[in-house]
Amino acid sequence: MTLLAEYYVPGLHVEDRSIKVPLDWTGHEPGQGFDGESIDLFYRVVTAPEHVHDDLPLLVFLQGGPGGPCPRLMGPDHEMWVKDALKRFRIVLPDQRGVGRSSAIDSHVMARFDSARAQADYLKRFLAGSIVRDFEHLRRTEFGGRKWVSLGQSYGGFLTLSYLSLYPEGLLASFTTGGIPYVAADADAVYQHTFPRMIRKNEQFYERYPQDVERVAAIADILDSSDVHLPNGDPFSVRRLQLLGSDFGMKPSFERLHWLLDTAFVDGDGGASRGSYLTDGFLMGVLTSTQTYNKPLYWTLQEFIYANGDCKPIRWAAQRERDRHPEFDPAHRPLMFTGEASFPWMFEEGGALIPFHDAMDLLMEDGHWDTIYDVDQLARNEVPLQAAVYYDDMYVDSTLQLKTLSNIGNSHAWVTNEYEHDGVHSNHVFQRLFNEALNRGDLEALF
């Protein structure tokens, strides 16, 4: 175990650590030695200062994404689930491979390869099958094989079901928040469910802020008639404008977009003005909200998280579904914003994604992927699984979540419309799941 640093953030004791894992897990087993190319797996161990020397159970956090780093905590109140978990657990925060400090992938890494084929083969090693093996290797080698509890947010729920499929012996219990995947692993079915939800989100936004119908139309008209660029040089197209709906499934996204639009126009009193210029501040706000520099894997791997074993090529499933809905045409008024989806044009116009373009062309035609779910193993699952299912979830459809849970042994769903997809950040979600598991006796081995 390599200890890189040990320090205190107010209210937290933190250890920065790192281990080596194989780039390609083929032919290797977690917990054993390996040969060939390796990459770094970075993780933090976080403890309440008063519990530094206590023998606490382990809680491993499976971050959302794909391509999202674990939270960089400002204190125990930064993430409310952390505040609750620290009372009883030592928290393990790994950066998934390719993200944060775990051999991060960006344009510089893509430039090292001499072909798109080599890039594509490399990127395929950064999905759930490899991630879960990394975590199990970490558990077996650095924590003495001690079983841990997992908490998976969003894509972390996908990882949870992969973990329960491949290495259930490593888990004492699992919690998921807004993250039970459709185990049929069909990207087309996923977007068929989520695009209608996005239409409804747009309707709700314009119902709340009807003055923004004209504002957004005026901005789109300016973009259609002018050559507008964002501060980093990326072209600012109507399609890029539509990406501002990507976080409509989280609170307070409607307000964030409304106040961004409030600053859009240079002339007059800031109302909709088709003859005006767009302010520098607005353009910077759009860049900040739609930039891909800090999470290139989020957009690159977005559709491949639905690939399980041998399957039909994905071929831009979200774009195909979008094309079936004329409401999302850039010429449609009121202009409709798109949700959490990756589109081919993004790899032609976005400076941070252009280096991934040729590899994406190959991956979209690929029909051979790691098998990440074992349906039979999930059916006979014995590890207690407690899932928060958000009824109105825009990203992970609640109907599909419940369908999957109905086929998983020892699983329990709490269905609520009180929270959006980011409900784990609230005061109550993790504590509710924990109490339900505790009162059911699922945590008897720990407390």
Protein backbone atom coordinates (compact mmCIF):
# COMPACT_ATOMS: atom_id res chain seq x y z
CA MET A 1 0.00 0.00 0.00
CA THR A 2 1.49 3.33 -1.06
CA LEU A 3 0.63 6.18 1.30
CA LEU A 4 1.05 9.40 -0.66
CA ALA A 5 -0.13 11.86 1.97
CA GLU A 6 -1.96 12.02 5.29
CA TYR A 7 -3.64 15.22 6.46
CA TYR A 8 -6.74 16.85 7.87
CA VAL A 9 -9.47 18.73 6.08
CA PRO A 10 -11.64 20.49 8.70
CA GLY A 11 -13.76 17.72 10.21
CA LEU A 12 -12.04 14.94 8.23
CA HIS A 13 -8.94 12.80 8.49
CA VAL A 14 -7.73 11.96 4.98
CA GLU A 15 -5.23 9.48 3.57
CA ASP A 16 -4.22 9.62 -0.12
CA ARG A 17 -3.16 6.23 -1.41
CA SER A 18 -2.42 4.52 -4.73
CA ILE A 19 -1.85 1.01 -6.05
CA LYS A 20 -1.07 -0.54 -9.43
CA VAL A 21 -3.68 -2.54 -11.34
CA PRO A 22 -3.41 -4.25 -14.72
CA LEU A 23 -4.57 -2.24 -17.71
CA ASP A 24 -6.11 -5.42 -19.12
CA TRP A 25 -7.63 -7.83 -16.61
CA THR A 26 -7.81 -10.66 -19.15
CA GLY A 27 -6.07 -13.68 -17.65
CA HIS A 28 -5.67 -12.02 -14.24
CA GLU A 29 -7.57 -12.43 -10.98
CA PRO A 30 -8.07 -9.68 -8.38
CA GLY A 31 -5.88 -10.15 -5.35
CA GLN A 32 -3.12 -11.93 -7.23
CA GLY A 33 0.06 -10.78 -8.92
CA PHE A 34 -0.03 -9.76 -12.56
CA ASP A 35 2.27 -8.95 -15.45
CA GLY A 36 2.00 -6.67 -18.44
CA GLU A 37 1.07 -3.00 -18.59
CA SER A 38 -0.30 -1.44 -15.42
CA ILE A 39 -2.10 1.77 -14.51
CA ASP A 40 -2.59 3.64 -11.24
CA LEU A 41 -5.65 3.30 -9.04
CA PHE A 42 -5.86 6.26 -6.68
CA TYR A 43 -8.10 6.26 -3.63
CA ARG A 44 -8.72 8.20 -0.46
CA VAL A 45 -9.61 6.86 2.96
CA VAL A 46 -11.69 9.34 4.94
CA THR A 47 -12.48 9.09 8.65
CA ALA A 48 -14.00 11.35 11.26
CA PRO A 49 -11.12 12.70 13.39
CA GLU A 50 -12.55 11.14 16.55
CA HIS A 51 -12.57 7.70 14.90
CA VAL A 52 -9.09 7.67 13.35
CA HIS A 53 -7.88 4.85 15.62
CA ASP A 54 -11.19 2.95 15.77
CA ASP A 55 -11.80 -0.33 13.96
CA LEU A 56 -14.71 0.78 11.80
CA PRO A 57 -16.52 -1.05 8.99
CA LEU A 58 -15.61 0.00 5.45
CA LEU A 59 -17.93 1.84 3.07
CA VAL A 60 -16.71 2.10 -0.53
CA PHE A 61 -18.32 4.82 -2.65
CA LEU A 62 -18.99 3.98 -6.29
CA GLN A 63 -19.10 7.34 -8.05
CA GLY A 64 -21.50 8.24 -10.83
CA GLY A 65 -20.50 9.04 -14.36
CA PRO A 66 -19.12 7.37 -16.33
CA GLY A 67 -15.91 9.30 -16.06
CA GLY A 68 -16.63 11.10 -12.81
CA PRO A 69 -14.01 11.42 -10.04
CA CYS A 70 -14.88 10.82 -6.42
CA PRO A 71 -15.84 13.93 -4.46
CA ARG A 72 -13.09 16.23 -3.24
CA LEU A 73 -14.56 16.98 0.16
CA MET A 74 -14.46 20.43 1.76
CA GLY A 75 -15.66 19.02 5.07
CA PRO A 76 -18.17 16.51 6.44
CA ASP A 77 -21.11 18.74 5.45
CA HIS A 78 -19.98 18.98 1.81
CA GLU A 79 -21.83 15.74 1.01
CA MET A 80 -24.63 14.93 3.45
CA TRP A 81 -24.26 11.19 2.98
CA VAL A 82 -20.63 11.59 4.10
CA LYS A 83 -21.71 13.30 7.32
CA ASP A 84 -24.04 10.39 8.12
CA ALA A 85 -21.68 7.63 7.01
CA LEU A 86 -18.73 8.98 9.03
CA LYS A 87 -20.62 8.24 12.24
CA ARG A 88 -20.25 4.51 11.61
CA PHE A 89 -17.85 3.87 8.71
CA ARG A 90 -14.38 4.47 7.38
CA ILE A 91 -15.08 5.69 3.84
CA VAL A 92 -13.05 4.57 0.82
CA LEU A 93 -13.21 6.99 -2.14
CA PRO A 94 -11.56 5.51 -5.24
CA ASP A 95 -11.15 7.45 -8.47
CA GLN A 96 -12.31 5.07 -11.18
CA ARG A 97 -9.63 4.18 -13.72
CA GLY A 98 -9.08 6.91 -16.29
CA VAL A 99 -10.46 9.60 -13.97
CA GLY A 100 -9.08 12.03 -11.40
CA ARG A 101 -5.70 10.72 -10.26
CA SER A 102 -6.22 7.17 -11.56
CA SER A 103 -4.25 7.37 -14.85
CA ALA A 104 -6.60 10.03 -16.16
CA ILE A 105 -7.49 10.05 -19.85
CA ASP A 106 -7.66 13.26 -21.88
CA SER A 107 -6.55 14.64 -25.24
CA HIS A 108 -2.86 14.28 -24.29
CA VAL A 109 -3.30 10.56 -23.64
CA MET A 110 -5.15 10.06 -26.93
CA ALA A 111 -2.27 11.75 -28.76
CA ARG A 112 0.14 9.04 -27.59
CA PHE A 113 -1.47 6.40 -29.80
CA ASP A 114 -0.55 5.95 -33.43
CA SER A 115 -3.98 4.78 -34.61
CA ALA A 116 -7.68 5.09 -33.87
CA ARG A 117 -7.76 1.32 -33.38
CA ALA A 118 -5.23 1.55 -30.57
CA GLN A 119 -7.20 4.40 -28.99
CA ALA A 120 -10.43 2.41 -29.15
CA ASP A 121 -8.85 -0.72 -27.68
CA TYR A 122 -7.47 1.35 -24.81
CA LEU A 123 -10.80 3.05 -24.08
CA LYS A 124 -12.60 -0.31 -23.92
CA ARG A 125 -10.53 -1.13 -20.83
CA PHE A 126 -12.16 1.69 -18.82
CA LEU A 127 -15.65 0.33 -18.32
CA ALA A 128 -17.47 -1.56 -15.57
CA GLY A 129 -15.78 -4.95 -15.95
CA SER A 130 -12.35 -3.43 -15.37
CA ILE A 131 -13.51 -0.93 -12.74
CA VAL A 132 -15.10 -3.59 -10.54
CA ARG A 133 -12.03 -5.81 -10.79
CA ASP A 134 -9.89 -2.84 -9.73
CA PHE A 135 -12.03 -2.33 -6.64
CA GLU A 136 -12.05 -6.01 -5.74
CA HIS A 137 -8.26 -6.10 -6.15
CA LEU A 138 -8.06 -3.10 -3.83
CA ARG A 139 -10.24 -4.83 -1.23
CA ARG A 140 -8.29 -8.06 -1.31
CA THR A 141 -4.79 -6.57 -1.31
CA GLU A 142 -5.03 -3.36 0.72
CA PHE A 143 -7.82 -4.13 3.16
CA GLY A 144 -6.93 -7.71 3.96
CA GLY A 145 -9.87 -9.16 2.08
CA ARG A 146 -12.27 -7.56 4.56
CA LYS A 147 -15.79 -7.33 3.18
CA TRP A 148 -17.18 -3.86 2.70
CA VAL A 149 -20.47 -2.07 2.20
CA SER A 150 -20.96 -0.22 -1.09
CA LEU A 151 -22.86 2.96 -1.91
CA GLY A 152 -23.40 3.52 -5.62
CA GLN A 153 -24.70 6.82 -7.00
CA SER A 154 -26.08 6.83 -10.57
CA TYR A 155 -23.50 4.93 -12.69
CA GLY A 156 -22.23 3.67 -9.36
CA GLY A 157 -25.42 1.62 -9.26
CA PHE A 158 -24.46 0.04 -12.57
CA LEU A 159 -21.12 -0.83 -11.00
CA THR A 160 -22.94 -2.25 -7.99
CA LEU A 161 -24.81 -4.79 -10.11
CA SER A 162 -21.57 -5.69 -11.87
CA TYR A 163 -19.95 -6.20 -8.46
CA LEU A 164 -22.87 -8.36 -7.30
CA SER A 165 -22.58 -10.35 -10.54
CA LEU A 166 -18.82 -10.90 -10.48
CA TYR A 167 -17.66 -10.75 -6.84
CA PRO A 168 -20.63 -10.88 -4.45
CA GLU A 169 -18.36 -12.41 -1.81
CA GLY A 170 -16.70 -9.01 -1.40
CA LEU A 171 -19.85 -7.20 -0.26
CA LEU A 172 -21.70 -7.24 3.04
CA ALA A 173 -24.50 -4.98 1.79
CA SER A 174 -25.11 -2.51 -1.04
CA PHE A 175 -26.95 0.78 -1.35
CA THR A 176 -27.78 2.49 -4.63
CA THR A 177 -29.27 5.92 -5.35
CA GLY A 178 -30.82 6.56 -8.76
CA GLY A 179 -28.65 3.90 -10.35
CA ILE A 180 -30.24 0.54 -11.09
CA PRO A 181 -29.49 -0.20 -14.76
CA TYR A 182 -31.69 -1.97 -17.25
CA VAL A 183 -29.88 -5.29 -17.17
CA ALA A 184 -31.03 -6.13 -20.68
CA ALA A 185 -28.34 -3.51 -21.43
CA ASP A 186 -30.17 -2.10 -24.45
CA ALA A 187 -29.26 1.53 -25.11
CA ASP A 188 -32.19 1.92 -27.51
CA ALA A 189 -34.70 0.97 -24.81
CA VAL A 190 -33.05 3.35 -22.35
CA TYR A 191 -33.37 6.37 -24.64
CA GLN A 192 -36.89 5.41 -25.71
CA HIS A 193 -37.83 5.91 -22.06
CA THR A 194 -35.73 8.97 -21.27
CA PHE A 195 -36.44 11.21 -24.28
CA PRO A 196 -40.16 11.52 -23.44
CA ARG A 197 -39.14 12.41 -19.89
CA MET A 198 -36.91 15.13 -21.31
CA ILE A 199 -39.79 16.56 -23.31
CA ARG A 200 -41.79 16.83 -20.11
CA LYS A 201 -38.86 18.50 -18.33
CA ASN A 202 -38.74 21.14 -21.09
CA GLU A 203 -42.46 21.74 -20.71
CA GLN A 204 -42.05 22.18 -16.96
CA PHE A 205 -39.17 24.61 -17.45
CA TYR A 206 -41.12 26.82 -19.83
CA GLU A 207 -44.24 26.61 -17.64
CA ARG A 208 -42.20 27.93 -14.72
CA TYR A 209 -40.38 30.60 -16.74
CA PRO A 210 -42.57 31.47 -19.77
CA GLN A 211 -40.49 34.60 -20.49
CA ASP A 212 -37.61 32.28 -21.42
CA VAL A 213 -39.47 30.94 -24.47
CA GLU A 214 -38.75 34.18 -26.31
CA ARG A 215 -35.26 34.56 -24.82
CA VAL A 216 -34.17 31.11 -25.98
CA ALA A 217 -35.71 31.60 -29.43
CA ALA A 218 -33.85 34.90 -29.80
CA ILE A 219 -30.55 33.29 -28.83
CA ALA A 220 -31.13 30.45 -31.31
CA ASP A 221 -31.90 32.97 -34.08
CA ILE A 222 -28.66 34.83 -33.35
CA LEU A 223 -26.70 31.58 -33.53
CA ASP A 224 -28.39 30.66 -36.82
CA SER A 225 -27.56 33.99 -38.43
CA SER A 226 -24.11 34.68 -36.98
CA ASP A 227 -20.76 32.99 -36.58
CA VAL A 228 -20.58 32.83 -32.79
CA HIS A 229 -17.81 31.15 -30.84
CA LEU A 230 -17.40 30.37 -27.16
CA PRO A 231 -14.42 31.80 -25.24
CA ASN A 232 -12.33 28.66 -25.90
CA GLY A 233 -12.90 28.90 -29.66
CA ASP A 234 -15.52 26.17 -29.98
CA PRO A 235 -18.35 27.04 -32.38
CA PHE A 236 -21.53 27.97 -30.53
CA SER A 237 -24.29 26.22 -32.43
CA VAL A 238 -27.96 25.78 -31.60
CA ARG A 239 -27.16 22.13 -30.84
CA ARG A 240 -24.62 23.31 -28.27
CA LEU A 241 -27.25 25.63 -26.79
CA GLN A 242 -29.58 22.67 -26.42
CA LEU A 243 -27.03 20.90 -24.21
CA LEU A 244 -27.93 23.34 -21.44
CA GLY A 245 -30.69 20.90 -20.49
CA SER A 246 -28.21 18.19 -19.56
CA ASP A 247 -28.76 18.68 -15.83
CA PHE A 248 -32.55 19.17 -15.95
CA GLY A 249 -32.80 16.04 -13.81
CA MET A 250 -31.13 17.76 -10.86
CA LYS A 251 -32.12 20.61 -8.58
CA PRO A 252 -32.08 23.60 -8.99
CA SER A 253 -31.28 23.21 -12.70
CA PHE A 254 -34.28 25.21 -13.91
CA GLU A 255 -33.13 28.17 -11.85
CA ARG A 256 -29.51 27.86 -13.00
CA LEU A 257 -30.57 28.00 -16.63
CA HIS A 258 -33.11 30.79 -16.06
CA TRP A 259 -30.54 33.07 -14.44
CA LEU A 260 -27.97 32.26 -17.11
CA LEU A 261 -30.46 33.31 -19.80
CA ASP A 262 -31.14 36.47 -17.79
CA THR A 263 -27.66 37.72 -18.70
CA ALA A 264 -27.68 36.77 -22.38
CA PHE A 265 -28.19 40.09 -24.20
CA VAL A 266 -25.99 43.17 -24.41
CA ASP A 267 -28.54 45.78 -25.45
CA GLY A 268 -31.64 47.18 -23.80
CA ASP A 269 -32.84 45.92 -20.45
CA GLY A 270 -31.66 42.34 -20.98
CA GLY A 271 -34.90 41.13 -22.49
CA ALA A 272 -35.09 39.00 -25.63
CA SER A 273 -33.41 40.91 -28.46
CA ARG A 274 -32.74 39.27 -31.82
CA GLY A 275 -30.66 42.20 -33.04
CA SER A 276 -28.39 42.21 -30.01
CA TYR A 277 -25.07 40.59 -29.24
CA LEU A 278 -24.65 37.84 -26.70
CA THR A 279 -22.73 38.98 -23.63
CA ASP A 280 -19.27 37.70 -22.83
CA GLY A 281 -20.57 36.57 -19.45
CA PHE A 282 -23.33 34.51 -21.05
CA LEU A 283 -20.92 32.89 -23.49
CA MET A 284 -18.62 32.02 -20.60
CA GLY A 285 -21.56 30.59 -18.68
CA VAL A 286 -22.50 28.40 -21.65
CA LEU A 287 -18.92 27.18 -21.95
CA THR A 288 -18.79 26.38 -18.24
CA SER A 289 -22.10 24.49 -18.37
CA THR A 290 -21.34 22.50 -21.52
CA GLN A 291 -17.56 22.07 -21.41
CA THR A 292 -16.07 18.61 -21.61
CA TYR A 293 -12.48 19.25 -20.53
CA ASN A 294 -12.74 17.94 -16.98
CA LYS A 295 -14.80 14.83 -17.83
CA PRO A 296 -14.05 13.69 -21.40
CA LEU A 297 -14.84 10.07 -20.55
CA TYR A 298 -18.31 11.10 -19.39
CA TRP A 299 -19.30 11.87 -22.98
CA THR A 300 -17.01 9.35 -24.67
CA LEU A 301 -18.22 6.29 -22.72
CA GLN A 302 -21.81 7.47 -22.19
CA GLU A 303 -23.49 4.91 -24.46
CA PHE A 304 -21.06 2.05 -23.91
CA ILE A 305 -22.13 1.61 -20.28
CA TYR A 306 -25.17 -0.16 -21.74
CA ALA A 307 -23.08 -2.75 -23.64
CA ASN A 308 -23.02 -6.18 -22.01
CA GLY A 309 -21.14 -9.01 -23.73
CA ASP A 310 -21.82 -9.64 -27.40
CA CYS A 311 -24.53 -7.28 -28.62
CA LYS A 312 -25.56 -5.30 -31.65
CA PRO A 313 -23.40 -2.23 -32.36
CA ILE A 314 -24.73 0.85 -30.55
CA ARG A 315 -24.30 3.27 -33.49
CA TRP A 316 -25.28 6.45 -31.65
CA ALA A 317 -28.47 5.28 -29.98
CA ALA A 318 -29.31 8.69 -28.51
CA GLN A 319 -28.99 10.40 -31.88
CA ARG A 320 -31.29 7.81 -33.47
CA GLU A 321 -33.91 8.39 -30.79
CA ARG A 322 -33.54 12.14 -31.06
CA ASP A 323 -34.19 11.92 -34.79
CA ARG A 324 -37.54 10.26 -34.00
CA HIS A 325 -38.67 13.35 -32.07
CA PRO A 326 -39.15 16.44 -34.26
CA GLU A 327 -39.52 18.45 -31.04
CA PHE A 328 -35.72 18.38 -30.71
CA ASP A 329 -35.02 19.81 -34.16
CA PRO A 330 -32.92 23.01 -33.78
CA ALA A 331 -35.56 24.87 -35.81
CA HIS A 332 -38.42 23.87 -33.53
CA ARG A 333 -39.97 26.52 -31.32
CA PRO A 334 -40.05 26.61 -28.42
CA LEU A 335 -36.52 25.28 -28.62
CA MET A 336 -36.17 22.02 -26.71
CA PHE A 337 -33.13 21.25 -24.61
CA THR A 338 -31.54 17.81 -24.68
CA GLY A 339 -30.68 15.71 -21.65
CA GLU A 340 -27.81 13.48 -20.62
CA ALA A 341 -26.90 12.12 -24.04
CA SER A 342 -23.87 12.05 -26.30
CA PHE A 343 -24.22 12.99 -29.98
CA PRO A 344 -21.81 12.53 -32.92
CA TRP A 345 -21.54 16.27 -33.68
CA MET A 346 -19.99 16.82 -30.23
CA PHE A 347 -16.87 14.99 -31.41
CA GLU A 348 -16.65 17.30 -34.42
CA GLU A 349 -17.23 20.67 -32.69
CA GLY A 350 -15.98 20.24 -29.12
CA GLY A 351 -12.27 20.90 -28.78
CA ALA A 352 -11.87 18.49 -25.85
CA LEU A 353 -13.66 15.65 -27.69
CA ILE A 354 -12.25 15.99 -31.21
CA PRO A 355 -9.21 13.82 -30.28
CA PHE A 356 -11.64 10.97 -29.51
CA HIS A 357 -13.54 11.24 -32.81
CA ASP A 358 -11.93 8.46 -34.83
CA ALA A 359 -11.92 6.03 -31.91
CA MET A 360 -15.62 6.72 -31.37
CA ASP A 361 -16.36 5.77 -34.97
CA LEU A 362 -14.82 2.36 -34.30
CA LEU A 363 -16.40 1.83 -30.90
CA MET A 364 -19.86 2.64 -32.20
CA GLU A 365 -19.52 -0.27 -34.65
CA ASP A 366 -18.18 -2.67 -32.00
CA GLY A 367 -20.40 -5.55 -30.87
CA HIS A 368 -18.01 -7.33 -28.50
CA TRP A 369 -17.76 -6.10 -24.91
CA ASP A 370 -17.02 -7.44 -21.45
CA THR A 371 -19.86 -9.33 -19.82
CA ILE A 372 -20.72 -7.15 -16.85
CA TYR A 373 -23.96 -8.71 -15.57
CA ASP A 374 -24.69 -12.31 -14.61
CA VAL A 375 -28.48 -12.64 -14.68
CA ASP A 376 -28.46 -16.02 -12.90
CA GLN A 377 -26.15 -14.76 -10.15
CA LEU A 378 -28.29 -11.66 -9.64
CA ALA A 379 -31.42 -13.82 -9.39
CA ARG A 380 -29.90 -15.82 -6.55
CA ASN A 381 -28.23 -12.82 -4.96
CA GLU A 382 -27.97 -12.96 -1.17
CA VAL A 383 -26.23 -9.64 -0.52
CA PRO A 384 -28.80 -7.15 0.84
CA LEU A 385 -29.43 -4.49 -1.79
CA GLN A 386 -31.33 -1.35 -0.85
CA ALA A 387 -32.15 0.98 -3.77
CA ALA A 388 -33.52 4.51 -3.82
CA VAL A 389 -35.56 4.76 -7.02
CA TYR A 390 -36.58 8.29 -7.97
CA TYR A 391 -39.94 8.06 -9.68
CA ASP A 392 -39.34 11.06 -11.96
CA ASP A 393 -35.65 10.30 -12.64
CA MET A 394 -34.75 11.83 -16.01
CA TYR A 395 -31.56 9.82 -16.48
CA VAL A 396 -32.25 6.32 -15.14
CA ASP A 397 -35.87 5.45 -15.85
CA SER A 398 -37.75 4.29 -12.75
CA THR A 399 -39.84 1.76 -14.70
CA LEU A 400 -36.71 0.03 -15.96
CA GLN A 401 -35.10 0.21 -12.52
CA LEU A 402 -38.03 -1.57 -10.91
CA LYS A 403 -38.11 -4.15 -13.69
CA THR A 404 -34.49 -4.99 -13.00
CA LEU A 405 -34.96 -5.09 -9.21
CA SER A 406 -37.85 -7.53 -9.58
CA ASN A 407 -35.32 -10.05 -10.89
CA ILE A 408 -32.63 -9.54 -8.22
CA GLY A 409 -32.65 -11.62 -5.07
CA ASN A 410 -32.69 -9.90 -1.67
CA SER A 411 -33.32 -6.48 -3.23
CA HIS A 412 -35.52 -3.75 -1.80
CA ALA A 413 -36.73 -0.55 -3.43
CA TRP A 414 -37.74 2.72 -1.87
CA VAL A 415 -39.64 4.60 -4.59
CA THR A 416 -40.04 8.34 -4.09
CA ASN A 417 -40.87 11.43 -6.13
CA GLU A 418 -39.51 13.76 -3.46
CA TYR A 419 -36.02 13.87 -4.99
CA GLU A 420 -34.39 14.25 -8.37
CA HIS A 421 -31.43 12.20 -9.62
CA ASP A 422 -29.03 13.92 -7.21
CA GLY A 423 -31.06 13.13 -4.10
CA VAL A 424 -28.06 11.50 -2.40
CA HIS A 425 -26.80 15.02 -1.68
CA SER A 426 -29.83 15.72 0.51
CA ASN A 427 -30.10 15.28 4.27
CA HIS A 428 -32.28 12.19 4.17
CA VAL A 429 -31.65 9.72 1.34
CA PHE A 430 -28.64 7.77 2.62
CA GLN A 431 -29.94 7.83 6.20
CA ARG A 432 -33.30 6.47 5.01
CA LEU A 433 -31.64 3.61 3.13
CA PHE A 434 -29.31 2.87 6.04
CA ASN A 435 -32.15 2.78 8.58
CA GLU A 436 -34.25 0.48 6.40
CA ALA A 437 -31.35 -1.94 6.07
CA LEU A 438 -30.52 -1.69 9.77
CA ASN A 439 -34.11 -2.29 10.86
CA ARG A 440 -34.41 -5.26 8.51
CA GLY A 441 -31.35 -6.85 10.09
CA ASP A 442 -29.29 -6.58 6.92
CA LEU A 443 -26.39 -4.94 8.80
CA GLU A 444 -26.40 -7.32 11.74
CA ALA A 445 -22.84 -8.42 11.00
CA LEU A 446 -21.62 -4.82 11.40
CA PHE A 447 -23.57 -3.24 14.23
